[in-house]
Amino acid sequence: MKRTLIIATRAGSLAIAQTGIVVSSLQKLFPALDVRIKKIASEGDEDQRTALWQLKTAGFFTSRLEDALLTGVADAVVHSFKDLPTVQREGLTVAAVLDRKFPEDCLVCAERITSIDELPKAAKAGTSSLRRGVLLKRLRDDLECVPIRGNVTTRLKKLERGEFDAIILARAGLERLGMSGKISLVFDPAQFIPAPAQGALAVQIRADDAATKEIISKLDDKIARITTAAERMVFSALQCGCHAPAGAFAKVSGEEITISAFFSDPDGKKFAQSVVCGPVGEAEKLAEQLALKLRRASDV
């Protein structure tokens, strides 16, 4: 077995915490394995001003990490799976999908609330996502969605300074940082539909690295892989781009899978939402059918 493994990650506190989950899991399985972490600043970490929906290219948070893999600087990379483009970069593969405990979006508010109806009229809600903005406006069309960038801690500080009345974040990030106590409310993912693969971690490796694959694949969660693959297939079939106002959420119950998704224009005027159910073995076929259904309904 390979005795030393170099894992690359973004340098932020959440990325480090997520990499720690992977490292801890590996060391439980392989106590003799020497795991070393290499921090790499992504383009997204350096550019804190550009709104995500204004980006013209994919891989804003992942391309430099993938470069490290392809050049042999790292043996594996830990990603927030939702950040990884649906088109796999040549020569790379995802060897493990894991730790998808919290796929939901949540609201963190300046004043604690139990319902979105309790936010002040015309409240300012910070989000870096067109998807979240469209969904929030459907719940409360008086709310003002304002772009926000920065890591979780930076965004929380902006909220504390009174720049926003509320911010929308992925629940998984707050949970992994030990900040779940700051959550005001958690959205139902079947209604406030997350980004594909939100909440899951992906460990990417070189496709021809059999030794690393043998190690990393032991972390793979079968259900997490099935649900994230179905969600990402919806996006691939929609051909809408990684920053489009669209979302997909899959849930497995026994031998059945339910996939919910929506697709919209940036203003939320042409909005389509639907759901499909069927055998788990036909998950990706169902996802393609759902995407076609949404395209026809939205006419976007």
C-alpha atoms as a PDB file:
ATOM      1  CA  MET A   1       0.000   0.000   0.000  1.00  0.00           C
ATOM      2  CA  LYS A   2       1.129   3.556  -0.661  1.00  0.00           C
ATOM      3  CA  ARG A   3       2.430   4.875   2.671  1.00  0.00           C
ATOM      4  CA  THR A   4       2.365   8.634   2.011  1.00  0.00           C
ATOM      5  CA  LEU A   5      -0.622  10.517   0.570  1.00  0.00           C
ATOM      6  CA  ILE A   6      -0.576  14.216  -0.278  1.00  0.00           C
ATOM      7  CA  ILE A   7      -4.052  15.758  -0.217  1.00  0.00           C
ATOM      8  CA  ALA A   8      -4.581  19.227  -1.638  1.00  0.00           C
ATOM      9  CA  THR A   9      -7.277  21.574  -0.420  1.00  0.00           C
ATOM     10  CA  ARG A  10      -8.291  25.199  -0.533  1.00  0.00           C
ATOM     11  CA  ALA A  11      -6.806  27.187   2.326  1.00  0.00           C
ATOM     12  CA  GLY A  12     -10.009  28.455   3.989  1.00  0.00           C
ATOM     13  CA  SER A  13     -11.211  27.243   7.383  1.00  0.00           C
ATOM     14  CA  LEU A  14     -14.149  25.310   5.918  1.00  0.00           C
ATOM     15  CA  ALA A  15     -11.993  23.592   3.301  1.00  0.00           C
ATOM     16  CA  ILE A  16      -9.489  22.614   5.997  1.00  0.00           C
ATOM     17  CA  ALA A  17     -12.286  21.269   8.217  1.00  0.00           C
ATOM     18  CA  GLN A  18     -13.667  19.231   5.317  1.00  0.00           C
ATOM     19  CA  THR A  19     -10.244  17.853   4.485  1.00  0.00           C
ATOM     20  CA  GLY A  20      -9.903  16.941   8.151  1.00  0.00           C
ATOM     21  CA  ILE A  21     -13.003  14.750   7.831  1.00  0.00           C
ATOM     22  CA  VAL A  22     -11.387  12.866   4.957  1.00  0.00           C
ATOM     23  CA  VAL A  23      -8.008  12.563   6.699  1.00  0.00           C
ATOM     24  CA  SER A  24      -9.601  11.319   9.922  1.00  0.00           C
ATOM     25  CA  SER A  25     -11.620   8.707   8.024  1.00  0.00           C
ATOM     26  CA  LEU A  26      -8.526   7.524   6.148  1.00  0.00           C
ATOM     27  CA  GLN A  27      -6.431   7.228   9.299  1.00  0.00           C
ATOM     28  CA  LYS A  28      -9.108   5.103  10.963  1.00  0.00           C
ATOM     29  CA  LEU A  29      -9.015   2.713   8.013  1.00  0.00           C
ATOM     30  CA  PHE A  30      -5.261   2.880   7.423  1.00  0.00           C
ATOM     31  CA  PRO A  31      -3.441   3.744  10.691  1.00  0.00           C
ATOM     32  CA  ALA A  32      -0.005   3.428   9.064  1.00  0.00           C
ATOM     33  CA  LEU A  33      -0.846   5.852   6.251  1.00  0.00           C
ATOM     34  CA  ASP A  34       1.105   9.121   6.321  1.00  0.00           C
ATOM     35  CA  VAL A  35      -1.301  11.825   5.126  1.00  0.00           C
ATOM     36  CA  ARG A  36       0.025  15.296   4.358  1.00  0.00           C
ATOM     37  CA  ILE A  37      -2.131  18.324   3.545  1.00  0.00           C
ATOM     38  CA  LYS A  38      -1.154  20.877   0.911  1.00  0.00           C
ATOM     39  CA  LYS A  39      -3.043  24.189   0.886  1.00  0.00           C
ATOM     40  CA  ILE A  40      -3.684  25.872  -2.454  1.00  0.00           C
ATOM     41  CA  ALA A  41      -5.455  29.211  -2.976  1.00  0.00           C
ATOM     42  CA  SER A  42      -8.153  28.955  -5.641  1.00  0.00           C
ATOM     43  CA  GLU A  43      -9.124  31.759  -7.998  1.00  0.00           C
ATOM     44  CA  GLY A  44     -12.338  32.039  -6.007  1.00  0.00           C
ATOM     45  CA  ASP A  45     -10.401  32.580  -2.793  1.00  0.00           C
ATOM     46  CA  GLU A  46      -8.408  35.417  -4.335  1.00  0.00           C
ATOM     47  CA  ASP A  47     -11.302  37.148  -6.110  1.00  0.00           C
ATOM     48  CA  GLN A  48     -13.715  38.262  -3.373  1.00  0.00           C
ATOM     49  CA  ARG A  49     -15.538  40.848  -5.474  1.00  0.00           C
ATOM     50  CA  THR A  50     -16.995  39.169  -8.551  1.00  0.00           C
ATOM     51  CA  ALA A  51     -20.551  37.921  -8.075  1.00  0.00           C
ATOM     52  CA  LEU A  52     -20.619  34.200  -8.846  1.00  0.00           C
ATOM     53  CA  TRP A  53     -23.336  34.559 -11.465  1.00  0.00           C
ATOM     54  CA  GLN A  54     -21.104  36.957 -13.422  1.00  0.00           C
ATOM     55  CA  LEU A  55     -18.423  34.331 -13.955  1.00  0.00           C
ATOM     56  CA  LYS A  56     -17.917  33.179 -17.523  1.00  0.00           C
ATOM     57  CA  THR A  57     -15.951  30.008 -16.774  1.00  0.00           C
ATOM     58  CA  ALA A  58     -16.341  26.931 -14.581  1.00  0.00           C
ATOM     59  CA  GLY A  59     -13.817  25.730 -12.032  1.00  0.00           C
ATOM     60  CA  PHE A  60     -13.570  29.033 -10.151  1.00  0.00           C
ATOM     61  CA  PHE A  61     -12.925  27.138  -6.905  1.00  0.00           C
ATOM     62  CA  THR A  62     -11.478  23.907  -8.290  1.00  0.00           C
ATOM     63  CA  SER A  63      -9.221  24.351 -11.340  1.00  0.00           C
ATOM     64  CA  ARG A  64      -5.981  25.091  -9.462  1.00  0.00           C
ATOM     65  CA  LEU A  65      -6.520  22.076  -7.236  1.00  0.00           C
ATOM     66  CA  GLU A  66      -7.037  19.948 -10.327  1.00  0.00           C
ATOM     67  CA  ASP A  67      -3.828  21.403 -11.783  1.00  0.00           C
ATOM     68  CA  ALA A  68      -2.022  20.180  -8.667  1.00  0.00           C
ATOM     69  CA  LEU A  69      -3.329  16.676  -9.301  1.00  0.00           C
ATOM     70  CA  LEU A  70      -2.421  16.612 -12.976  1.00  0.00           C
ATOM     71  CA  THR A  71       1.119  17.875 -12.323  1.00  0.00           C
ATOM     72  CA  GLY A  72       1.732  15.389  -9.511  1.00  0.00           C
ATOM     73  CA  VAL A  73       1.916  18.013  -6.756  1.00  0.00           C
ATOM     74  CA  ALA A  74      -0.905  16.163  -4.966  1.00  0.00           C
ATOM     75  CA  ASP A  75      -2.256  12.617  -4.964  1.00  0.00           C
ATOM     76  CA  ALA A  76      -5.822  13.598  -4.090  1.00  0.00           C
ATOM     77  CA  VAL A  77      -7.977  16.705  -3.702  1.00  0.00           C
ATOM     78  CA  VAL A  78     -10.954  17.316  -1.408  1.00  0.00           C
ATOM     79  CA  HIS A  79     -13.734  19.419  -2.960  1.00  0.00           C
ATOM     80  CA  SER A  80     -17.134  20.610  -1.894  1.00  0.00           C
ATOM     81  CA  PHE A  81     -18.795  18.496  -4.561  1.00  0.00           C
ATOM     82  CA  LYS A  82     -21.190  21.286  -5.543  1.00  0.00           C
ATOM     83  CA  ASP A  83     -18.193  23.370  -6.695  1.00  0.00           C
ATOM     84  CA  LEU A  84     -16.920  20.714  -9.090  1.00  0.00           C
ATOM     85  CA  PRO A  85     -18.024  21.218 -12.739  1.00  0.00           C
ATOM     86  CA  THR A  86     -20.311  18.478 -14.053  1.00  0.00           C
ATOM     87  CA  VAL A  87     -17.934  17.824 -16.954  1.00  0.00           C
ATOM     88  CA  GLN A  88     -15.038  15.812 -15.547  1.00  0.00           C
ATOM     89  CA  ARG A  89     -11.603  17.134 -16.442  1.00  0.00           C
ATOM     90  CA  GLU A  90      -9.677  14.713 -18.642  1.00  0.00           C
ATOM     91  CA  GLY A  91      -7.381  12.434 -16.683  1.00  0.00           C
ATOM     92  CA  LEU A  92      -9.198  12.896 -13.373  1.00  0.00           C
ATOM     93  CA  THR A  93     -11.909  10.981 -11.544  1.00  0.00           C
ATOM     94  CA  VAL A  94     -13.893  11.216  -8.310  1.00  0.00           C
ATOM     95  CA  ALA A  95     -12.829   8.196  -6.261  1.00  0.00           C
ATOM     96  CA  ALA A  96     -15.089   8.884  -3.270  1.00  0.00           C
ATOM     97  CA  VAL A  97     -18.254  10.814  -2.427  1.00  0.00           C
ATOM     98  CA  LEU A  98     -18.945  11.072   1.291  1.00  0.00           C
ATOM     99  CA  ASP A  99     -20.300  12.840   4.380  1.00  0.00           C
ATOM    100  CA  ARG A 100     -23.536  14.088   2.847  1.00  0.00           C
ATOM    101  CA  LYS A 101     -25.418  14.632   6.101  1.00  0.00           C
ATOM    102  CA  PHE A 102     -26.746  18.154   5.502  1.00  0.00           C
ATOM    103  CA  PRO A 103     -27.714  19.013   1.890  1.00  0.00           C
ATOM    104  CA  GLU A 104     -30.011  21.883   2.908  1.00  0.00           C
ATOM    105  CA  ASP A 105     -29.712  25.649   2.657  1.00  0.00           C
ATOM    106  CA  CYS A 106     -30.306  27.628   5.819  1.00  0.00           C
ATOM    107  CA  LEU A 107     -30.976  31.195   6.908  1.00  0.00           C
ATOM    108  CA  VAL A 108     -28.823  33.037   9.441  1.00  0.00           C
ATOM    109  CA  CYS A 109     -30.434  36.242  10.690  1.00  0.00           C
ATOM    110  CA  ALA A 110     -29.393  39.337  12.593  1.00  0.00           C
ATOM    111  CA  GLU A 111     -32.457  38.820  14.802  1.00  0.00           C
ATOM    112  CA  ARG A 112     -33.424  35.225  15.585  1.00  0.00           C
ATOM    113  CA  ILE A 113     -36.551  34.091  13.769  1.00  0.00           C
ATOM    114  CA  THR A 114     -38.472  30.840  13.372  1.00  0.00           C
ATOM    115  CA  SER A 115     -40.155  31.662  10.049  1.00  0.00           C
ATOM    116  CA  ILE A 116     -39.165  33.620   6.974  1.00  0.00           C
ATOM    117  CA  ASP A 117     -42.368  35.616   7.463  1.00  0.00           C
ATOM    118  CA  GLU A 118     -40.750  37.201  10.536  1.00  0.00           C
ATOM    119  CA  LEU A 119     -38.088  39.014   8.492  1.00  0.00           C
ATOM    120  CA  PRO A 120     -38.709  42.792   8.244  1.00  0.00           C
ATOM    121  CA  LYS A 121     -40.400  44.106   5.118  1.00  0.00           C
ATOM    122  CA  ALA A 122     -37.869  44.670   2.292  1.00  0.00           C
ATOM    123  CA  ALA A 123     -35.162  43.014   4.387  1.00  0.00           C
ATOM    124  CA  LYS A 124     -31.700  42.653   2.825  1.00  0.00           C
ATOM    125  CA  ALA A 125     -30.713  39.038   2.287  1.00  0.00           C
ATOM    126  CA  GLY A 126     -27.121  38.253   1.316  1.00  0.00           C
ATOM    127  CA  THR A 127     -26.467  35.484  -1.186  1.00  0.00           C
ATOM    128  CA  SER A 128     -23.833  34.740  -3.796  1.00  0.00           C
ATOM    129  CA  SER A 129     -26.194  32.445  -5.687  1.00  0.00           C
ATOM    130  CA  LEU A 130     -28.790  33.220  -8.348  1.00  0.00           C
ATOM    131  CA  ARG A 131     -30.493  29.957  -7.397  1.00  0.00           C
ATOM    132  CA  ARG A 132     -30.951  31.024  -3.791  1.00  0.00           C
ATOM    133  CA  GLY A 133     -32.072  34.491  -4.841  1.00  0.00           C
ATOM    134  CA  VAL A 134     -34.791  33.160  -7.139  1.00  0.00           C
ATOM    135  CA  LEU A 135     -36.072  30.728  -4.508  1.00  0.00           C
ATOM    136  CA  LEU A 136     -36.055  33.336  -1.755  1.00  0.00           C
ATOM    137  CA  LYS A 137     -38.018  35.828  -3.856  1.00  0.00           C
ATOM    138  CA  ARG A 138     -40.643  33.169  -4.482  1.00  0.00           C
ATOM    139  CA  LEU A 139     -41.131  32.913  -0.723  1.00  0.00           C
ATOM    140  CA  ARG A 140     -41.054  36.676  -0.094  1.00  0.00           C
ATOM    141  CA  ASP A 141     -41.040  38.891  -3.188  1.00  0.00           C
ATOM    142  CA  ASP A 142     -40.428  42.025  -1.083  1.00  0.00           C
ATOM    143  CA  LEU A 143     -37.005  40.829   0.076  1.00  0.00           C
ATOM    144  CA  GLU A 144     -33.926  42.441  -1.466  1.00  0.00           C
ATOM    145  CA  CYS A 145     -31.288  39.917  -2.515  1.00  0.00           C
ATOM    146  CA  VAL A 146     -27.826  41.499  -2.282  1.00  0.00           C
ATOM    147  CA  PRO A 147     -24.578  39.868  -3.531  1.00  0.00           C
ATOM    148  CA  ILE A 148     -22.193  38.733  -0.808  1.00  0.00           C
ATOM    149  CA  ARG A 149     -18.737  37.156  -1.166  1.00  0.00           C
ATOM    150  CA  GLY A 150     -16.162  35.811   1.250  1.00  0.00           C
ATOM    151  CA  ASN A 151     -15.843  32.716   3.398  1.00  0.00           C
ATOM    152  CA  VAL A 152     -18.393  31.742   6.039  1.00  0.00           C
ATOM    153  CA  THR A 153     -16.729  33.750   8.812  1.00  0.00           C
ATOM    154  CA  THR A 154     -16.466  36.854   6.613  1.00  0.00           C
ATOM    155  CA  ARG A 155     -20.135  36.631   5.685  1.00  0.00           C
ATOM    156  CA  LEU A 156     -21.183  36.217   9.299  1.00  0.00           C
ATOM    157  CA  LYS A 157     -19.176  39.292  10.260  1.00  0.00           C
ATOM    158  CA  LYS A 158     -20.932  41.315   7.554  1.00  0.00           C
ATOM    159  CA  LEU A 159     -24.246  40.182   9.033  1.00  0.00           C
ATOM    160  CA  GLU A 160     -23.115  41.177  12.534  1.00  0.00           C
ATOM    161  CA  ARG A 161     -22.080  44.626  11.274  1.00  0.00           C
ATOM    162  CA  GLY A 162     -25.624  45.211  10.053  1.00  0.00           C
ATOM    163  CA  GLU A 163     -24.871  45.065   6.332  1.00  0.00           C
ATOM    164  CA  PHE A 164     -27.618  42.452   5.950  1.00  0.00           C
ATOM    165  CA  ASP A 165     -30.747  41.372   7.788  1.00  0.00           C
ATOM    166  CA  ALA A 166     -30.077  37.740   6.848  1.00  0.00           C
ATOM    167  CA  ILE A 167     -27.728  35.601   4.808  1.00  0.00           C
ATOM    168  CA  ILE A 168     -28.320  32.256   3.123  1.00  0.00           C
ATOM    169  CA  LEU A 169     -25.660  29.592   3.579  1.00  0.00           C
ATOM    170  CA  ALA A 170     -25.240  25.869   3.053  1.00  0.00           C
ATOM    171  CA  ARG A 171     -26.081  24.122   6.299  1.00  0.00           C
ATOM    172  CA  ALA A 172     -23.204  21.663   5.858  1.00  0.00           C
ATOM    173  CA  GLY A 173     -20.623  24.426   6.093  1.00  0.00           C
ATOM    174  CA  LEU A 174     -21.931  25.747   9.387  1.00  0.00           C
ATOM    175  CA  GLU A 175     -22.245  22.242  10.813  1.00  0.00           C
ATOM    176  CA  ARG A 176     -18.651  21.371   9.877  1.00  0.00           C
ATOM    177  CA  LEU A 177     -17.360  24.596  11.413  1.00  0.00           C
ATOM    178  CA  GLY A 178     -19.226  23.972  14.661  1.00  0.00           C
ATOM    179  CA  MET A 179     -21.505  26.968  14.027  1.00  0.00           C
ATOM    180  CA  SER A 180     -24.878  25.252  13.798  1.00  0.00           C
ATOM    181  CA  GLY A 181     -26.094  27.346  16.730  1.00  0.00           C
ATOM    182  CA  LYS A 182     -26.157  30.391  14.463  1.00  0.00           C
ATOM    183  CA  ILE A 183     -28.792  28.872  12.167  1.00  0.00           C
ATOM    184  CA  SER A 184     -32.196  30.575  12.402  1.00  0.00           C
ATOM    185  CA  LEU A 185     -34.070  28.167  10.139  1.00  0.00           C
ATOM    186  CA  VAL A 186     -33.352  25.295   7.763  1.00  0.00           C
ATOM    187  CA  PHE A 187     -35.145  25.140   4.422  1.00  0.00           C
ATOM    188  CA  ASP A 188     -36.885  21.969   3.208  1.00  0.00           C
ATOM    189  CA  PRO A 189     -34.605  20.726   0.383  1.00  0.00           C
ATOM    190  CA  ALA A 190     -37.554  19.315  -1.542  1.00  0.00           C
ATOM    191  CA  GLN A 191     -38.957  22.858  -1.818  1.00  0.00           C
ATOM    192  CA  PHE A 192     -35.953  25.206  -1.444  1.00  0.00           C
ATOM    193  CA  ILE A 193     -33.971  22.991  -3.791  1.00  0.00           C
ATOM    194  CA  PRO A 194     -30.183  22.917  -3.235  1.00  0.00           C
ATOM    195  CA  ALA A 195     -27.388  23.018  -5.775  1.00  0.00           C
ATOM    196  CA  PRO A 196     -26.543  19.577  -7.191  1.00  0.00           C
ATOM    197  CA  ALA A 197     -24.354  17.608  -4.755  1.00  0.00           C
ATOM    198  CA  GLN A 198     -24.604  20.305  -2.071  1.00  0.00           C
ATOM    199  CA  GLY A 199     -23.371  19.036   1.285  1.00  0.00           C
ATOM    200  CA  ALA A 200     -21.306  16.194  -0.171  1.00  0.00           C
ATOM    201  CA  LEU A 201     -17.524  15.935  -0.238  1.00  0.00           C
ATOM    202  CA  ALA A 202     -15.761  14.646  -3.352  1.00  0.00           C
ATOM    203  CA  VAL A 203     -12.246  13.236  -3.296  1.00  0.00           C
ATOM    204  CA  GLN A 204     -10.707  13.549  -6.744  1.00  0.00           C
ATOM    205  CA  ILE A 205      -7.636  11.681  -7.974  1.00  0.00           C
ATOM    206  CA  ARG A 206      -5.785  10.979 -11.203  1.00  0.00           C
ATOM    207  CA  ALA A 207      -7.729   8.382 -13.181  1.00  0.00           C
ATOM    208  CA  ASP A 208      -4.638   6.220 -13.774  1.00  0.00           C
ATOM    209  CA  ASP A 209      -3.480   6.213 -10.123  1.00  0.00           C
ATOM    210  CA  ALA A 210      -4.582   2.723  -9.094  1.00  0.00           C
ATOM    211  CA  ALA A 211      -2.737   2.790  -5.760  1.00  0.00           C
ATOM    212  CA  THR A 212      -4.469   5.966  -4.570  1.00  0.00           C
ATOM    213  CA  LYS A 213      -7.823   4.773  -5.901  1.00  0.00           C
ATOM    214  CA  GLU A 214      -7.520   1.600  -3.819  1.00  0.00           C
ATOM    215  CA  ILE A 215      -7.185   3.742  -0.686  1.00  0.00           C
ATOM    216  CA  ILE A 216      -9.623   6.566  -1.391  1.00  0.00           C
ATOM    217  CA  SER A 217     -12.417   4.368  -2.766  1.00  0.00           C
ATOM    218  CA  LYS A 218     -12.830   2.833   0.705  1.00  0.00           C
ATOM    219  CA  LEU A 219     -14.456   6.136   1.762  1.00  0.00           C
ATOM    220  CA  ASP A 220     -17.126   6.051  -0.929  1.00  0.00           C
ATOM    221  CA  ASP A 221     -20.724   6.286   0.287  1.00  0.00           C
ATOM    222  CA  LYS A 222     -22.975   4.404  -2.137  1.00  0.00           C
ATOM    223  CA  ILE A 223     -26.129   6.441  -1.431  1.00  0.00           C
ATOM    224  CA  ALA A 224     -24.284   9.761  -1.579  1.00  0.00           C
ATOM    225  CA  ARG A 225     -22.797   8.774  -4.934  1.00  0.00           C
ATOM    226  CA  ILE A 226     -26.179   7.759  -6.351  1.00  0.00           C
ATOM    227  CA  THR A 227     -28.008  10.913  -5.254  1.00  0.00           C
ATOM    228  CA  THR A 228     -25.259  13.325  -6.298  1.00  0.00           C
ATOM    229  CA  ALA A 229     -24.864  11.605  -9.673  1.00  0.00           C
ATOM    230  CA  ALA A 230     -28.588  11.979 -10.316  1.00  0.00           C
ATOM    231  CA  GLU A 231     -28.560  15.659  -9.338  1.00  0.00           C
ATOM    232  CA  ARG A 232     -25.527  16.409 -11.490  1.00  0.00           C
ATOM    233  CA  MET A 233     -27.145  14.571 -14.397  1.00  0.00           C
ATOM    234  CA  VAL A 234     -30.111  16.964 -14.188  1.00  0.00           C
ATOM    235  CA  PHE A 235     -27.697  19.879 -14.626  1.00  0.00           C
ATOM    236  CA  SER A 236     -25.807  18.182 -17.446  1.00  0.00           C
ATOM    237  CA  ALA A 237     -29.032  17.460 -19.295  1.00  0.00           C
ATOM    238  CA  LEU A 238     -30.327  20.997 -18.758  1.00  0.00           C
ATOM    239  CA  GLN A 239     -27.063  22.391 -20.210  1.00  0.00           C
ATOM    240  CA  CYS A 240     -27.688  25.525 -18.170  1.00  0.00           C
ATOM    241  CA  GLY A 241     -24.212  26.288 -16.794  1.00  0.00           C
ATOM    242  CA  CYS A 242     -22.931  25.884 -13.240  1.00  0.00           C
ATOM    243  CA  HIS A 243     -24.132  29.303 -12.018  1.00  0.00           C
ATOM    244  CA  ALA A 244     -27.639  29.196 -13.504  1.00  0.00           C
ATOM    245  CA  PRO A 245     -30.709  29.584 -11.262  1.00  0.00           C
ATOM    246  CA  ALA A 246     -31.434  25.868 -11.091  1.00  0.00           C
ATOM    247  CA  GLY A 247     -31.261  23.179  -8.457  1.00  0.00           C
ATOM    248  CA  ALA A 248     -31.692  19.439  -7.971  1.00  0.00           C
ATOM    249  CA  PHE A 249     -32.187  17.235  -4.934  1.00  0.00           C
ATOM    250  CA  ALA A 250     -32.410  13.441  -4.838  1.00  0.00           C
ATOM    251  CA  LYS A 251     -33.418  11.179  -1.975  1.00  0.00           C
ATOM    252  CA  VAL A 252     -33.254   7.387  -1.798  1.00  0.00           C
ATOM    253  CA  SER A 253     -35.858   5.405   0.158  1.00  0.00           C
ATOM    254  CA  GLY A 254     -35.337   1.681  -0.077  1.00  0.00           C
ATOM    255  CA  GLU A 255     -35.182   0.796  -3.777  1.00  0.00           C
ATOM    256  CA  GLU A 256     -36.837   4.044  -4.915  1.00  0.00           C
ATOM    257  CA  ILE A 257     -35.319   7.417  -5.687  1.00  0.00           C
ATOM    258  CA  THR A 258     -37.149  10.754  -5.748  1.00  0.00           C
ATOM    259  CA  ILE A 259     -35.568  13.645  -7.649  1.00  0.00           C
ATOM    260  CA  SER A 260     -36.847  17.213  -7.280  1.00  0.00           C
ATOM    261  CA  ALA A 261     -35.522  20.004  -9.487  1.00  0.00           C
ATOM    262  CA  PHE A 262     -36.239  23.484 -10.745  1.00  0.00           C
ATOM    263  CA  PHE A 263     -35.048  25.674 -13.611  1.00  0.00           C
ATOM    264  CA  SER A 264     -35.563  29.399 -14.036  1.00  0.00           C
ATOM    265  CA  ASP A 265     -34.473  32.519 -15.819  1.00  0.00           C
ATOM    266  CA  PRO A 266     -32.398  34.940 -13.664  1.00  0.00           C
ATOM    267  CA  ASP A 267     -35.465  37.066 -12.841  1.00  0.00           C
ATOM    268  CA  GLY A 268     -37.556  34.106 -11.732  1.00  0.00           C
ATOM    269  CA  LYS A 269     -40.295  34.952 -14.248  1.00  0.00           C
ATOM    270  CA  LYS A 270     -39.990  31.722 -16.197  1.00  0.00           C
ATOM    271  CA  PHE A 271     -39.893  29.198 -13.390  1.00  0.00           C
ATOM    272  CA  ALA A 272     -40.467  25.458 -13.634  1.00  0.00           C
ATOM    273  CA  GLN A 273     -40.295  22.901 -10.832  1.00  0.00           C
ATOM    274  CA  SER A 274     -41.030  19.204 -11.005  1.00  0.00           C
ATOM    275  CA  VAL A 275     -40.332  15.838  -9.412  1.00  0.00           C
ATOM    276  CA  VAL A 276     -39.845  12.270 -10.641  1.00  0.00           C
ATOM    277  CA  CYS A 277     -39.778   8.958  -8.787  1.00  0.00           C
ATOM    278  CA  GLY A 278     -38.630   5.527  -9.831  1.00  0.00           C
ATOM    279  CA  PRO A 279     -36.191   2.654  -9.257  1.00  0.00           C
ATOM    280  CA  VAL A 280     -32.753   3.560  -7.937  1.00  0.00           C
ATOM    281  CA  GLY A 281     -31.184   1.619 -10.798  1.00  0.00           C
ATOM    282  CA  GLU A 282     -32.722   4.073 -13.267  1.00  0.00           C
ATOM    283  CA  ALA A 283     -31.658   7.220 -11.392  1.00  0.00           C
ATOM    284  CA  GLU A 284     -29.705   8.883 -14.185  1.00  0.00           C
ATOM    285  CA  LYS A 285     -32.365   8.055 -16.791  1.00  0.00           C
ATOM    286  CA  LEU A 286     -34.978   9.609 -14.494  1.00  0.00           C
ATOM    287  CA  ALA A 287     -32.763  12.681 -14.088  1.00  0.00           C
ATOM    288  CA  GLU A 288     -32.582  13.137 -17.861  1.00  0.00           C
ATOM    289  CA  GLN A 289     -36.366  12.827 -18.117  1.00  0.00           C
ATOM    290  CA  LEU A 290     -36.777  15.427 -15.384  1.00  0.00           C
ATOM    291  CA  ALA A 291     -34.451  17.871 -17.139  1.00  0.00           C
ATOM    292  CA  LEU A 292     -36.386  17.523 -20.385  1.00  0.00           C
ATOM    293  CA  LYS A 293     -39.630  18.088 -18.493  1.00  0.00           C
ATOM    294  CA  LEU A 294     -38.260  21.282 -16.936  1.00  0.00           C
ATOM    295  CA  ARG A 295     -36.982  22.654 -20.230  1.00  0.00           C
ATOM    296  CA  ARG A 296     -40.348  22.169 -21.870  1.00  0.00           C
ATOM    297  CA  ALA A 297     -42.209  23.690 -18.921  1.00  0.00           C
ATOM    298  CA  SER A 298     -39.973  26.724 -18.465  1.00  0.00           C
ATOM    299  CA  ASP A 299     -39.238  27.505 -22.115  1.00  0.00           C
ATOM    300  CA  VAL A 300     -36.108  29.284 -20.875  1.00  0.00           C
END
